[in-house]
Amino acid sequence: MSTRSNIIARCSDGLWRKIYCHWDGYLDHNGKVLFENYQDQKKIDKLLKLGSISSLGPEIGKKHDFDWSTKLYEQHSSKKITEEEYASAQKKGQEVCNVYHRDRGEPWEDTKPEAADTLAGVWTFEETLTEFSYVWDGRQWWVGDPDKGMQAIIDLGEALAGKVSIHPNVKAFGIGVIGKW
């Protein structure tokens, strides 16, 4: 099961942009990747210009086979590559973003980032599709408390350090299935 997230940033042009990320949206992955690898405004702008992504990597990367992971697994399970080759290729593949438009060829209209003049314009209170929302304000990363929405954003560094604890309700099809949703 995927842990979906939004990645939202105030971009260099002053607009707020939001993209969707399907996999690994939890703090220990997407939160950590953003905090450790996306501190440069130009790099963040490039990430948001990709549109929605399947998975986030430390590097933006270039166009590649969207289904690389499945094909690699098939090679591994049919013993066409060794365990070491599999592990190495898997690690290399996870170093870059897997992008719906660039890598899978999905229509741009379906994957382009949402844009607005304000944070509330791209991240509404009613937003319930994702478990986590990460917000770059032009200086630092924040994470939205998954159970309180955009009214409660928390310093991502403090959340990663365990100084603040957040635990999202489990969601199915954008609706909470446990807790107050």
Foldseek 3Di string as FASTA:
>chain_A
DAAKEKEWEQAPVQKIWIAIETHDPDCVFPVVLCQVQPQDRVQVNVVLQLFYFDAAASHADAADALCVLVVLVVCVVVVVDDPVVSVVVVVVVRRHIRGCCRHVNDDCVVGHIDIDNDPCNRFPQLQQQGQWYWYHYPGAIWIAQSVRGPVDIHGSVCCSVVVDDGDGADDDRSHGPDDDD
